[in-house]
PDB file of N, CA and C in Angstrom:
ATOM      1  N   MET A   1       0.641   1.663 -15.286  1.00  0.00           N
ATOM      2  CA  MET A   1       1.381   1.602 -14.056  1.00  0.00           C
ATOM      3  C   MET A   1       1.468   0.138 -13.620  1.00  0.00           C
ATOM      4  N   PRO A   2       2.668  -0.352 -13.437  1.00  0.00           N
ATOM      5  CA  PRO A   2       2.815  -1.762 -13.081  1.00  0.00           C
ATOM      6  C   PRO A   2       2.391  -2.051 -11.639  1.00  0.00           C
ATOM      7  N   CYS A   3       1.925  -3.269 -11.461  1.00  0.00           N
ATOM      8  CA  CYS A   3       1.573  -3.771 -10.128  1.00  0.00           C
ATOM      9  C   CYS A   3       2.249  -5.130  -9.988  1.00  0.00           C
ATOM     10  N   TYR A   4       2.969  -5.316  -8.923  1.00  0.00           N
ATOM     11  CA  TYR A   4       3.686  -6.562  -8.702  1.00  0.00           C
ATOM     12  C   TYR A   4       2.946  -7.397  -7.663  1.00  0.00           C
ATOM     13  N   THR A   5       2.847  -8.682  -7.951  1.00  0.00           N
ATOM     14  CA  THR A   5       2.095  -9.592  -7.100  1.00  0.00           C
ATOM     15  C   THR A   5       2.982 -10.720  -6.605  1.00  0.00           C
ATOM     16  N   TYR A   6       2.503 -11.398  -5.577  1.00  0.00           N
ATOM     17  CA  TYR A   6       3.141 -12.609  -5.075  1.00  0.00           C
ATOM     18  C   TYR A   6       2.017 -13.579  -4.741  1.00  0.00           C
ATOM     19  N   ASN A   7       2.075 -14.767  -5.320  1.00  0.00           N
ATOM     20  CA  ASN A   7       1.030 -15.783  -5.119  1.00  0.00           C
ATOM     21  C   ASN A   7      -0.370 -15.226  -5.375  1.00  0.00           C
ATOM     22  N   GLY A   8      -0.500 -14.406  -6.405  1.00  0.00           N
ATOM     23  CA  GLY A   8      -1.800 -13.868  -6.784  1.00  0.00           C
ATOM     24  C   GLY A   8      -2.281 -12.704  -5.939  1.00  0.00           C
ATOM     25  N   GLN A   9      -1.484 -12.235  -5.013  1.00  0.00           N
ATOM     26  CA  GLN A   9      -1.859 -11.107  -4.155  1.00  0.00           C
ATOM     27  C   GLN A   9      -1.062  -9.865  -4.553  1.00  0.00           C
ATOM     28  N   ASN A  10      -1.728  -8.729  -4.659  1.00  0.00           N
ATOM     29  CA  ASN A  10      -1.039  -7.472  -4.949  1.00  0.00           C
ATOM     30  C   ASN A  10      -0.101  -7.132  -3.800  1.00  0.00           C
ATOM     31  N   VAL A  11       1.141  -6.782  -4.154  1.00  0.00           N
ATOM     32  CA  VAL A  11       2.135  -6.422  -3.141  1.00  0.00           C
ATOM     33  C   VAL A  11       2.486  -4.943  -3.237  1.00  0.00           C
ATOM     34  N   VAL A  12       2.942  -4.518  -4.420  1.00  0.00           N
ATOM     35  CA  VAL A  12       3.365  -3.128  -4.595  1.00  0.00           C
ATOM     36  C   VAL A  12       3.063  -2.683  -6.026  1.00  0.00           C
ATOM     37  N   GLY A  13       2.651  -1.435  -6.145  1.00  0.00           N
ATOM     38  CA  GLY A  13       2.422  -0.819  -7.444  1.00  0.00           C
ATOM     39  C   GLY A  13       3.302   0.408  -7.574  1.00  0.00           C
ATOM     40  N   ILE A  14       3.578   0.786  -8.810  1.00  0.00           N
ATOM     41  CA  ILE A  14       4.426   1.945  -9.071  1.00  0.00           C
ATOM     42  C   ILE A  14       3.666   2.903  -9.982  1.00  0.00           C
ATOM     43  N   GLY A  15       3.697   4.191  -9.639  1.00  0.00           N
ATOM     44  CA  GLY A  15       3.033   5.188 -10.466  1.00  0.00           C
ATOM     45  C   GLY A  15       3.865   6.451 -10.559  1.00  0.00           C
ATOM     46  N   GLY A  16       4.011   6.966 -11.771  1.00  0.00           N
ATOM     47  CA  GLY A  16       4.742   8.206 -11.980  1.00  0.00           C
ATOM     48  C   GLY A  16       3.778   9.360 -12.227  1.00  0.00           C
ATOM     49  N   PHE A  17       3.997  10.445 -11.545  1.00  0.00           N
ATOM     50  CA  PHE A  17       3.161  11.633 -11.666  1.00  0.00           C
ATOM     51  C   PHE A  17       4.051  12.842 -11.937  1.00  0.00           C
ATOM     52  N   LYS A  18       3.464  13.995 -12.169  1.00  0.00           N
ATOM     53  CA  LYS A  18       4.237  15.196 -12.484  1.00  0.00           C
ATOM     54  C   LYS A  18       5.231  15.550 -11.383  1.00  0.00           C
ATOM     55  N   SER A  19       4.810  15.447 -10.139  1.00  0.00           N
ATOM     56  CA  SER A  19       5.665  15.918  -9.052  1.00  0.00           C
ATOM     57  C   SER A  19       6.296  14.819  -8.204  1.00  0.00           C
ATOM     58  N   TYR A  20       5.928  13.549  -8.446  1.00  0.00           N
ATOM     59  CA  TYR A  20       6.526  12.488  -7.632  1.00  0.00           C
ATOM     60  C   TYR A  20       6.366  11.122  -8.280  1.00  0.00           C
ATOM     61  N   LEU A  21       7.160  10.192  -7.788  1.00  0.00           N
ATOM     62  CA  LEU A  21       7.031   8.778  -8.108  1.00  0.00           C
ATOM     63  C   LEU A  21       6.456   8.124  -6.864  1.00  0.00           C
ATOM     64  N   GLY A  22       5.434   7.331  -7.019  1.00  0.00           N
ATOM     65  CA  GLY A  22       4.804   6.697  -5.868  1.00  0.00           C
ATOM     66  C   GLY A  22       4.909   5.185  -5.908  1.00  0.00           C
ATOM     67  N   LEU A  23       5.234   4.601  -4.779  1.00  0.00           N
ATOM     68  CA  LEU A  23       5.178   3.156  -4.583  1.00  0.00           C
ATOM     69  C   LEU A  23       4.000   2.899  -3.658  1.00  0.00           C
ATOM     70  N   TRP A  24       3.048   2.070  -4.098  1.00  0.00           N
ATOM     71  CA  TRP A  24       1.889   1.748  -3.285  1.00  0.00           C
ATOM     72  C   TRP A  24       2.053   0.355  -2.704  1.00  0.00           C
ATOM     73  N   PHE A  25       2.026   0.254  -1.403  1.00  0.00           N
ATOM     74  CA  PHE A  25       2.069  -1.034  -0.721  1.00  0.00           C
ATOM     75  C   PHE A  25       0.638  -1.358  -0.314  1.00  0.00           C
ATOM     76  N   PHE A  26       0.106  -2.422  -0.892  1.00  0.00           N
ATOM     77  CA  PHE A  26      -1.304  -2.747  -0.724  1.00  0.00           C
ATOM     78  C   PHE A  26      -1.661  -3.098   0.718  1.00  0.00           C
ATOM     79  N   GLN A  27      -0.714  -3.635   1.483  1.00  0.00           N
ATOM     80  CA  GLN A  27      -0.931  -3.896   2.907  1.00  0.00           C
ATOM     81  C   GLN A  27       0.059  -3.067   3.728  1.00  0.00           C
ATOM     82  N   GLY A  28       0.310  -1.867   3.262  1.00  0.00           N
ATOM     83  CA  GLY A  28       1.300  -0.985   3.874  1.00  0.00           C
ATOM     84  C   GLY A  28       1.040  -0.641   5.327  1.00  0.00           C
ATOM     85  N   ALA A  29      -0.204  -0.643   5.745  1.00  0.00           N
ATOM     86  CA  ALA A  29      -0.516  -0.328   7.145  1.00  0.00           C
ATOM     87  C   ALA A  29       0.053  -1.385   8.090  1.00  0.00           C
ATOM     88  N   LEU A  30       0.351  -2.562   7.571  1.00  0.00           N
ATOM     89  CA  LEU A  30       0.920  -3.629   8.391  1.00  0.00           C
ATOM     90  C   LEU A  30       2.448  -3.631   8.389  1.00  0.00           C
ATOM     91  N   LEU A  31       3.055  -2.820   7.544  1.00  0.00           N
ATOM     92  CA  LEU A  31       4.518  -2.756   7.493  1.00  0.00           C
ATOM     93  C   LEU A  31       5.065  -1.996   8.700  1.00  0.00           C
ATOM     94  N   LYS A  32       6.280  -2.333   9.107  1.00  0.00           N
ATOM     95  CA  LYS A  32       6.890  -1.689  10.284  1.00  0.00           C
ATOM     96  C   LYS A  32       7.218  -0.216  10.029  1.00  0.00           C
ATOM     97  N   ASP A  33       7.562   0.142   8.804  1.00  0.00           N
ATOM     98  CA  ASP A  33       7.867   1.520   8.395  1.00  0.00           C
ATOM     99  C   ASP A  33       8.899   2.182   9.310  1.00  0.00           C
ATOM    100  N   LYS A  34      10.029   1.510   9.487  1.00  0.00           N
ATOM    101  CA  LYS A  34      11.097   2.032  10.348  1.00  0.00           C
ATOM    102  C   LYS A  34      11.677   3.352   9.849  1.00  0.00           C
ATOM    103  N   LYS A  35      11.582   3.602   8.556  1.00  0.00           N
ATOM    104  CA  LYS A  35      12.116   4.846   7.987  1.00  0.00           C
ATOM    105  C   LYS A  35      11.071   5.969   7.969  1.00  0.00           C
ATOM    106  N   HIS A  36       9.855   5.671   8.374  1.00  0.00           N
ATOM    107  CA  HIS A  36       8.765   6.649   8.437  1.00  0.00           C
ATOM    108  C   HIS A  36       8.552   7.349   7.093  1.00  0.00           C
ATOM    109  N   VAL A  37       8.428   6.535   6.039  1.00  0.00           N
ATOM    110  CA  VAL A  37       8.254   7.075   4.691  1.00  0.00           C
ATOM    111  C   VAL A  37       6.857   6.845   4.136  1.00  0.00           C
ATOM    112  N   LEU A  38       6.064   6.022   4.777  1.00  0.00           N
ATOM    113  CA  LEU A  38       4.751   5.666   4.244  1.00  0.00           C
ATOM    114  C   LEU A  38       3.678   6.644   4.701  1.00  0.00           C
ATOM    115  N   ILE A  39       2.801   6.992   3.761  1.00  0.00           N
ATOM    116  CA  ILE A  39       1.685   7.877   4.080  1.00  0.00           C
ATOM    117  C   ILE A  39       0.386   7.227   3.609  1.00  0.00           C
ATOM    118  N   ASN A  40      -0.691   7.641   4.213  1.00  0.00           N
ATOM    119  CA  ASN A  40      -2.014   7.248   3.740  1.00  0.00           C
ATOM    120  C   ASN A  40      -2.450   8.362   2.798  1.00  0.00           C
ATOM    121  N   ALA A  41      -2.416   8.074   1.512  1.00  0.00           N
ATOM    122  CA  ALA A  41      -2.698   9.101   0.510  1.00  0.00           C
ATOM    123  C   ALA A  41      -4.169   9.500   0.458  1.00  0.00           C
ATOM    124  N   GLN A  42      -5.032   8.669   1.016  1.00  0.00           N
ATOM    125  CA  GLN A  42      -6.464   8.981   1.030  1.00  0.00           C
ATOM    126  C   GLN A  42      -7.006   8.750   2.441  1.00  0.00           C
ATOM    127  N   GLU A  43      -6.591   9.582   3.344  1.00  0.00           N
ATOM    128  CA  GLU A  43      -6.988   9.467   4.749  1.00  0.00           C
ATOM    129  C   GLU A  43      -8.508   9.372   4.865  1.00  0.00           C
ATOM    130  N   GLY A  44      -8.958   8.401   5.623  1.00  0.00           N
ATOM    131  CA  GLY A  44     -10.373   8.202   5.824  1.00  0.00           C
ATOM    132  C   GLY A  44     -11.010   7.305   4.779  1.00  0.00           C
ATOM    133  N   THR A  45     -10.291   7.037   3.689  1.00  0.00           N
ATOM    134  CA  THR A  45     -10.824   6.198   2.616  1.00  0.00           C
ATOM    135  C   THR A  45     -10.158   4.830   2.606  1.00  0.00           C
ATOM    136  N   THR A  46      -8.828   4.819   2.651  1.00  0.00           N
ATOM    137  CA  THR A  46      -8.099   3.550   2.590  1.00  0.00           C
ATOM    138  C   THR A  46      -7.668   3.111   3.986  1.00  0.00           C
ATOM    139  N   LYS A  47      -7.748   1.825   4.208  1.00  0.00           N
ATOM    140  CA  LYS A  47      -7.354   1.274   5.500  1.00  0.00           C
ATOM    141  C   LYS A  47      -5.978   0.616   5.440  1.00  0.00           C
ATOM    142  N   ALA A  48      -5.692  -0.131   4.383  1.00  0.00           N
ATOM    143  CA  ALA A  48      -4.458  -0.905   4.287  1.00  0.00           C
ATOM    144  C   ALA A  48      -3.400  -0.234   3.415  1.00  0.00           C
ATOM    145  N   LEU A  49      -3.808   0.418   2.355  1.00  0.00           N
ATOM    146  CA  LEU A  49      -2.887   0.966   1.357  1.00  0.00           C
ATOM    147  C   LEU A  49      -2.057   2.105   1.932  1.00  0.00           C
ATOM    148  N   ARG A  50      -0.747   2.025   1.682  1.00  0.00           N
ATOM    149  CA  ARG A  50       0.159   3.108   2.074  1.00  0.00           C
ATOM    150  C   ARG A  50       1.069   3.424   0.900  1.00  0.00           C
ATOM    151  N   GLN A  51       1.488   4.669   0.808  1.00  0.00           N
ATOM    152  CA  GLN A  51       2.274   5.143  -0.321  1.00  0.00           C
ATOM    153  C   GLN A  51       3.609   5.714   0.141  1.00  0.00           C
ATOM    154  N   TRP A  52       4.631   5.448  -0.667  1.00  0.00           N
ATOM    155  CA  TRP A  52       5.963   6.011  -0.454  1.00  0.00           C
ATOM    156  C   TRP A  52       6.216   6.922  -1.643  1.00  0.00           C
ATOM    157  N   ARG A  53       6.354   8.211  -1.409  1.00  0.00           N
ATOM    158  CA  ARG A  53       6.564   9.176  -2.483  1.00  0.00           C
ATOM    159  C   ARG A  53       8.010   9.647  -2.511  1.00  0.00           C
ATOM    160  N   THR A  54       8.551   9.774  -3.720  1.00  0.00           N
ATOM    161  CA  THR A  54       9.873  10.354  -3.912  1.00  0.00           C
ATOM    162  C   THR A  54       9.747  11.424  -4.984  1.00  0.00           C
ATOM    163  N   GLN A  55      10.419  12.544  -4.760  1.00  0.00           N
ATOM    164  CA  GLN A  55      10.300  13.662  -5.694  1.00  0.00           C
ATOM    165  C   GLN A  55      11.542  13.857  -6.556  1.00  0.00           C
ATOM    166  N   SER A  56      12.605  13.103  -6.269  1.00  0.00           N
ATOM    167  CA  SER A  56      13.811  13.194  -7.095  1.00  0.00           C
ATOM    168  C   SER A  56      14.525  11.843  -7.079  1.00  0.00           C
ATOM    169  N   ALA A  57      15.373  11.645  -8.073  1.00  0.00           N
ATOM    170  CA  ALA A  57      16.127  10.387  -8.165  1.00  0.00           C
ATOM    171  C   ALA A  57      17.030  10.205  -6.941  1.00  0.00           C
ATOM    172  N   LYS A  58      17.498  11.289  -6.347  1.00  0.00           N
ATOM    173  CA  LYS A  58      18.370  11.214  -5.167  1.00  0.00           C
ATOM    174  C   LYS A  58      17.656  10.591  -3.972  1.00  0.00           C
ATOM    175  N   GLU A  59      16.339  10.711  -3.924  1.00  0.00           N
ATOM    176  CA  GLU A  59      15.565  10.180  -2.800  1.00  0.00           C
ATOM    177  C   GLU A  59      15.329   8.673  -2.894  1.00  0.00           C
ATOM    178  N   ILE A  60      15.566   8.089  -4.063  1.00  0.00           N
ATOM    179  CA  ILE A  60      15.316   6.662  -4.248  1.00  0.00           C
ATOM    180  C   ILE A  60      16.435   5.870  -3.598  1.00  0.00           C
ATOM    181  N   LYS A  61      16.090   5.048  -2.641  1.00  0.00           N
ATOM    182  CA  LYS A  61      17.046   4.231  -1.876  1.00  0.00           C
ATOM    183  C   LYS A  61      16.745   2.756  -2.135  1.00  0.00           C
ATOM    184  N   PRO A  62      17.433   2.150  -3.133  1.00  0.00           N
ATOM    185  CA  PRO A  62      17.120   0.760  -3.508  1.00  0.00           C
ATOM    186  C   PRO A  62      17.150  -0.232  -2.344  1.00  0.00           C
ATOM    187  N   ALA A  63      18.119  -0.121  -1.448  1.00  0.00           N
ATOM    188  CA  ALA A  63      18.199  -1.069  -0.333  1.00  0.00           C
ATOM    189  C   ALA A  63      16.981  -0.952   0.582  1.00  0.00           C
ATOM    190  N   ALA A  64      16.548   0.263   0.851  1.00  0.00           N
ATOM    191  CA  ALA A  64      15.372   0.465   1.702  1.00  0.00           C
ATOM    192  C   ALA A  64      14.116  -0.055   1.015  1.00  0.00           C
ATOM    193  N   ILE A  65      13.994   0.198  -0.286  1.00  0.00           N
ATOM    194  CA  ILE A  65      12.833  -0.284  -1.035  1.00  0.00           C
ATOM    195  C   ILE A  65      12.782  -1.806  -1.003  1.00  0.00           C
ATOM    196  N   LYS A  66      13.928  -2.457  -1.194  1.00  0.00           N
ATOM    197  CA  LYS A  66      13.984  -3.926  -1.123  1.00  0.00           C
ATOM    198  C   LYS A  66      13.507  -4.435   0.232  1.00  0.00           C
ATOM    199  N   THR A  67      13.909  -3.759   1.285  1.00  0.00           N
ATOM    200  CA  THR A  67      13.498  -4.161   2.636  1.00  0.00           C
ATOM    201  C   THR A  67      11.978  -4.103   2.768  1.00  0.00           C
ATOM    202  N   TYR A  68      11.383  -3.019   2.308  1.00  0.00           N
ATOM    203  CA  TYR A  68       9.933  -2.866   2.393  1.00  0.00           C
ATOM    204  C   TYR A  68       9.212  -3.899   1.524  1.00  0.00           C
ATOM    205  N   VAL A  69       9.725  -4.125   0.307  1.00  0.00           N
ATOM    206  CA  VAL A  69       9.094  -5.099  -0.585  1.00  0.00           C
ATOM    207  C   VAL A  69       9.192  -6.500   0.001  1.00  0.00           C
ATOM    208  N   ARG A  70      10.336  -6.850   0.547  1.00  0.00           N
ATOM    209  CA  ARG A  70      10.497  -8.180   1.165  1.00  0.00           C
ATOM    210  C   ARG A  70       9.539  -8.359   2.335  1.00  0.00           C
ATOM    211  N   GLU A  71       9.389  -7.321   3.140  1.00  0.00           N
ATOM    212  CA  GLU A  71       8.458  -7.405   4.266  1.00  0.00           C
ATOM    213  C   GLU A  71       7.019  -7.541   3.760  1.00  0.00           C
ATOM    214  N   ALA A  72       6.694  -6.816   2.693  1.00  0.00           N
ATOM    215  CA  ALA A  72       5.346  -6.903   2.119  1.00  0.00           C
ATOM    216  C   ALA A  72       5.083  -8.307   1.566  1.00  0.00           C
ATOM    217  N   ILE A  73       6.081  -8.913   0.943  1.00  0.00           N
ATOM    218  CA  ILE A  73       5.940 -10.290   0.451  1.00  0.00           C
ATOM    219  C   ILE A  73       5.758 -11.247   1.616  1.00  0.00           C
ATOM    220  N   GLN A  74       6.481 -11.025   2.702  1.00  0.00           N
ATOM    221  CA  GLN A  74       6.344 -11.889   3.883  1.00  0.00           C
ATOM    222  C   GLN A  74       4.938 -11.811   4.466  1.00  0.00           C
ATOM    223  N   LEU A  75       4.322 -10.644   4.409  1.00  0.00           N
ATOM    224  CA  LEU A  75       2.928 -10.513   4.867  1.00  0.00           C
ATOM    225  C   LEU A  75       2.021 -11.432   4.065  1.00  0.00           C
ATOM    226  N   VAL A  76       2.247 -11.493   2.745  1.00  0.00           N
ATOM    227  CA  VAL A  76       1.450 -12.382   1.890  1.00  0.00           C
ATOM    228  C   VAL A  76       1.706 -13.833   2.282  1.00  0.00           C
ATOM    229  N   LYS A  77       2.973 -14.188   2.457  1.00  0.00           N
ATOM    230  CA  LYS A  77       3.325 -15.564   2.842  1.00  0.00           C
ATOM    231  C   LYS A  77       2.663 -15.950   4.152  1.00  0.00           C
ATOM    232  N   ASP A  78       2.604 -15.002   5.082  1.00  0.00           N
ATOM    233  CA  ASP A  78       2.020 -15.256   6.413  1.00  0.00           C
ATOM    234  C   ASP A  78       0.501 -15.153   6.422  1.00  0.00           C
ATOM    235  N   GLY A  79      -0.082 -14.731   5.294  1.00  0.00           N
ATOM    236  CA  GLY A  79      -1.537 -14.601   5.202  1.00  0.00           C
ATOM    237  C   GLY A  79      -2.099 -13.419   5.965  1.00  0.00           C
ATOM    238  N   LYS A  80      -1.254 -12.431   6.257  1.00  0.00           N
ATOM    239  CA  LYS A  80      -1.712 -11.256   6.999  1.00  0.00           C
ATOM    240  C   LYS A  80      -2.219 -10.202   6.028  1.00  0.00           C
ATOM    241  N   LYS A  81      -3.404  -9.681   6.308  1.00  0.00           N
ATOM    242  CA  LYS A  81      -3.936  -8.603   5.479  1.00  0.00           C
ATOM    243  C   LYS A  81      -5.086  -7.917   6.196  1.00  0.00           C
ATOM    244  N   ILE A  82      -5.300  -6.699   5.783  1.00  0.00           N
ATOM    245  CA  ILE A  82      -6.442  -5.930   6.253  1.00  0.00           C
ATOM    246  C   ILE A  82      -7.484  -6.036   5.154  1.00  0.00           C
ATOM    247  N   GLY A  83      -8.579  -6.674   5.449  1.00  0.00           N
ATOM    248  CA  GLY A  83      -9.630  -6.854   4.446  1.00  0.00           C
ATOM    249  C   GLY A  83     -10.509  -5.624   4.346  1.00  0.00           C
ATOM    250  N   SER A  84     -11.223  -5.539   3.250  1.00  0.00           N
ATOM    251  CA  SER A  84     -12.150  -4.423   3.099  1.00  0.00           C
ATOM    252  C   SER A  84     -13.376  -4.675   3.962  1.00  0.00           C
ATOM    253  N   GLN A  85     -13.918  -3.617   4.491  1.00  0.00           N
ATOM    254  CA  GLN A  85     -15.106  -3.735   5.319  1.00  0.00           C
ATOM    255  C   GLN A  85     -16.326  -3.649   4.423  1.00  0.00           C
ATOM    256  N   LYS A  86     -17.213  -4.601   4.602  1.00  0.00           N
ATOM    257  CA  LYS A  86     -18.436  -4.597   3.811  1.00  0.00           C
ATOM    258  C   LYS A  86     -19.394  -3.570   4.398  1.00  0.00           C
ATOM    259  N   LYS A  87     -20.002  -2.833   3.519  1.00  0.00           N
ATOM    260  CA  LYS A  87     -20.972  -1.831   3.959  1.00  0.00           C
ATOM    261  C   LYS A  87     -22.254  -2.538   4.386  1.00  0.00           C
ATOM    262  N   LYS A  88     -22.846  -2.011   5.424  1.00  0.00           N
ATOM    263  CA  LYS A  88     -24.118  -2.554   5.901  1.00  0.00           C
ATOM    264  C   LYS A  88     -25.207  -2.236   4.867  1.00  0.00           C
ATOM    265  N   PRO A  89     -26.152  -3.135   4.696  1.00  0.00           N
ATOM    266  CA  PRO A  89     -27.229  -2.830   3.747  1.00  0.00           C
ATOM    267  C   PRO A  89     -28.038  -1.631   4.222  1.00  0.00           C
ATOM    268  N   LEU A  90     -28.514  -0.871   3.275  1.00  0.00           N
ATOM    269  CA  LEU A  90     -29.307   0.308   3.566  1.00  0.00           C
ATOM    270  C   LEU A  90     -30.688  -0.116   4.072  1.00  0.00           C
ATOM    271  N   ALA A  91     -31.047   0.390   5.222  1.00  0.00           N
ATOM    272  CA  ALA A  91     -32.366   0.082   5.786  1.00  0.00           C
ATOM    273  C   ALA A  91     -33.404   1.009   5.151  1.00  0.00           C
ATOM    274  N   VAL A  92     -34.408   0.403   4.544  1.00  0.00           N
ATOM    275  CA  VAL A  92     -35.458   1.173   3.897  1.00  0.00           C
ATOM    276  C   VAL A  92     -36.768   0.930   4.621  1.00  0.00           C
ATOM    277  N   SER A  93     -37.442   1.997   4.914  1.00  0.00           N
ATOM    278  CA  SER A  93     -38.726   1.905   5.606  1.00  0.00           C
ATOM    279  C   SER A  93     -39.768   1.296   4.675  1.00  0.00           C
ATOM    280  N   PRO A  94     -40.617   0.379   5.181  1.00  0.00           N
ATOM    281  CA  PRO A  94     -41.636  -0.239   4.317  1.00  0.00           C
ATOM    282  C   PRO A  94     -42.723   0.758   3.887  1.00  0.00           C
ATOM    283  N   ASN A  95     -42.845   1.896   4.531  1.00  0.00           N
ATOM    284  CA  ASN A  95     -43.903   2.882   4.203  1.00  0.00           C
ATOM    285  C   ASN A  95     -43.406   3.902   3.240  1.00  0.00           C
TER     286      ASN A  95
END
């Protein structure tokens, strides 16, 4: 599955599955999503990643995809991103 980058940062990935084609926007939570097509495919697990699913060729809208990709690239240019949260170290009792 290809992943496209800009200046060394992941921007969008593409994955084909049995029932859909998915576009993953690595900082998708920061996109405006005016078409309301982005979903959090792993609610409670991912903070930034958002997915756009299409189930048929008729649903693929090249102009809309370009708009989202351009906005995602602009996020990289602007240095905007949601970083991963580091887990707190596990507290272990000395006894």
